[in-house]
C-alpha atoms as a PDB file:
ATOM      1  CA  MET A   1     -27.303  -4.219 -23.316  1.00  0.00           C
ATOM      2  CA  ILE A   2     -26.753  -7.774 -24.874  1.00  0.00           C
ATOM      3  CA  PHE A   3     -22.859  -8.293 -24.224  1.00  0.00           C
ATOM      4  CA  PRO A   4     -20.232  -5.277 -23.510  1.00  0.00           C
ATOM      5  CA  LEU A   5     -18.032  -6.004 -26.654  1.00  0.00           C
ATOM      6  CA  GLU A   6     -16.551  -2.368 -25.948  1.00  0.00           C
ATOM      7  CA  GLU A   7     -15.046  -3.517 -22.448  1.00  0.00           C
ATOM      8  CA  LEU A   8     -14.074  -6.399 -23.973  1.00  0.00           C
ATOM      9  CA  ILE A   9     -12.033  -5.381 -27.052  1.00  0.00           C
ATOM     10  CA  GLU A  10     -10.905  -2.683 -24.619  1.00  0.00           C
ATOM     11  CA  TYR A  11      -9.967  -5.200 -22.018  1.00  0.00           C
ATOM     12  CA  ASN A  12      -5.895  -5.621 -21.823  1.00  0.00           C
ATOM     13  CA  SER A  13      -5.165  -7.467 -19.553  1.00  0.00           C
ATOM     14  CA  ASN A  14      -5.460 -11.403 -18.383  1.00  0.00           C
ATOM     15  CA  MET A  15      -7.939 -12.879 -20.927  1.00  0.00           C
ATOM     16  CA  TYR A  16      -8.069 -16.210 -19.323  1.00  0.00           C
ATOM     17  CA  GLU A  17      -8.583 -14.527 -15.675  1.00  0.00           C
ATOM     18  CA  ILE A  18     -12.044 -12.420 -16.969  1.00  0.00           C
ATOM     19  CA  THR A  19     -13.464 -15.255 -18.516  1.00  0.00           C
ATOM     20  CA  SER A  20     -13.069 -17.437 -15.539  1.00  0.00           C
ATOM     21  CA  ALA A  21     -14.404 -14.799 -13.725  1.00  0.00           C
ATOM     22  CA  ALA A  22     -17.625 -14.576 -15.597  1.00  0.00           C
ATOM     23  CA  SER A  23     -18.144 -18.074 -16.133  1.00  0.00           C
ATOM     24  CA  ARG A  24     -18.285 -18.191 -12.251  1.00  0.00           C
ATOM     25  CA  ARG A  25     -20.288 -14.834 -11.898  1.00  0.00           C
ATOM     26  CA  SER A  26     -22.782 -16.552 -14.220  1.00  0.00           C
ATOM     27  CA  PHE A  27     -23.044 -19.928 -12.277  1.00  0.00           C
ATOM     28  CA  GLN A  28     -23.710 -17.657  -9.255  1.00  0.00           C
ATOM     29  CA  LEU A  29     -26.692 -15.390 -10.963  1.00  0.00           C
ATOM     30  CA  SER A  30     -28.018 -18.674 -11.846  1.00  0.00           C
ATOM     31  CA  MET A  31     -28.168 -20.203  -8.693  1.00  0.00           C
ATOM     32  CA  ILE A  32     -29.778 -17.553  -6.628  1.00  0.00           C
ATOM     33  CA  GLN A  33     -32.481 -16.902  -9.680  1.00  0.00           C
ATOM     34  CA  ASP A  34     -31.017 -13.372  -9.602  1.00  0.00           C
ATOM     35  CA  GLU A  35     -33.879 -11.244 -11.354  1.00  0.00           C
ATOM     36  CA  GLU A  36     -31.636  -9.303 -13.448  1.00  0.00           C
ATOM     37  CA  ILE A  37     -31.637 -11.706 -15.208  1.00  0.00           C
ATOM     38  CA  GLU A  38     -35.240 -11.164 -17.051  1.00  0.00           C
ATOM     39  CA  ALA A  39     -34.427  -7.776 -17.304  1.00  0.00           C
ATOM     40  CA  ASN A  40     -31.200  -9.128 -19.421  1.00  0.00           C
ATOM     41  CA  GLU A  41     -33.511 -11.386 -22.054  1.00  0.00           C
ATOM     42  CA  GLY A  42     -32.334 -14.301 -19.997  1.00  0.00           C
ATOM     43  CA  LYS A  43     -28.729 -13.457 -20.926  1.00  0.00           C
ATOM     44  CA  VAL A  44     -26.723 -14.587 -17.726  1.00  0.00           C
ATOM     45  CA  VAL A  45     -23.491 -14.277 -19.369  1.00  0.00           C
ATOM     46  CA  SER A  46     -23.619 -11.116 -20.762  1.00  0.00           C
ATOM     47  CA  LEU A  47     -25.020  -9.874 -17.211  1.00  0.00           C
ATOM     48  CA  ALA A  48     -21.975 -11.259 -15.246  1.00  0.00           C
ATOM     49  CA  ALA A  49     -19.886  -9.247 -17.923  1.00  0.00           C
ATOM     50  CA  ARG A  50     -21.437  -6.431 -17.380  1.00  0.00           C
ATOM     51  CA  GLN A  51     -21.343  -6.787 -13.892  1.00  0.00           C
ATOM     52  CA  ILE A  52     -17.536  -7.156 -13.868  1.00  0.00           C
ATOM     53  CA  PHE A  53     -16.652  -4.479 -16.430  1.00  0.00           C
ATOM     54  CA  THR A  54     -18.850  -1.878 -14.676  1.00  0.00           C
ATOM     55  CA  LYS A  55     -17.527  -3.050 -11.922  1.00  0.00           C
ATOM     56  CA  GLN A  56     -20.421  -4.277  -9.881  1.00  0.00           C
ATOM     57  CA  ILE A  57     -18.906  -6.689  -8.459  1.00  0.00           C
ATOM     58  CA  GLU A  58     -15.134  -7.148  -7.656  1.00  0.00           C
ATOM     59  CA  PHE A  59     -13.333 -10.637  -8.322  1.00  0.00           C
ATOM     60  CA  ARG A  60     -10.124 -12.568  -7.531  1.00  0.00           C
ATOM     61  CA  LEU A  61      -9.076 -16.029  -8.440  1.00  0.00           C
ATOM     62  CA  GLU A  62      -7.274 -18.112  -6.120  1.00  0.00           C
ATOM     63  CA  ALA A  63      -4.412 -20.413  -7.013  1.00  0.00           C
END
């Protein structure tokens, strides 16, 4: 999967929140050199978005 477009289109909550979560998760994945990145053709943001939309990870933004 390149990018979870269906989930993004159907997402009806705070777009800033989900964008921030994907950005932060992408950074985490890059820093730990997660092996799933290679399996996802090196597309870190897509991997992070998929993890968020499939609820593999949970997120919460603190003020």
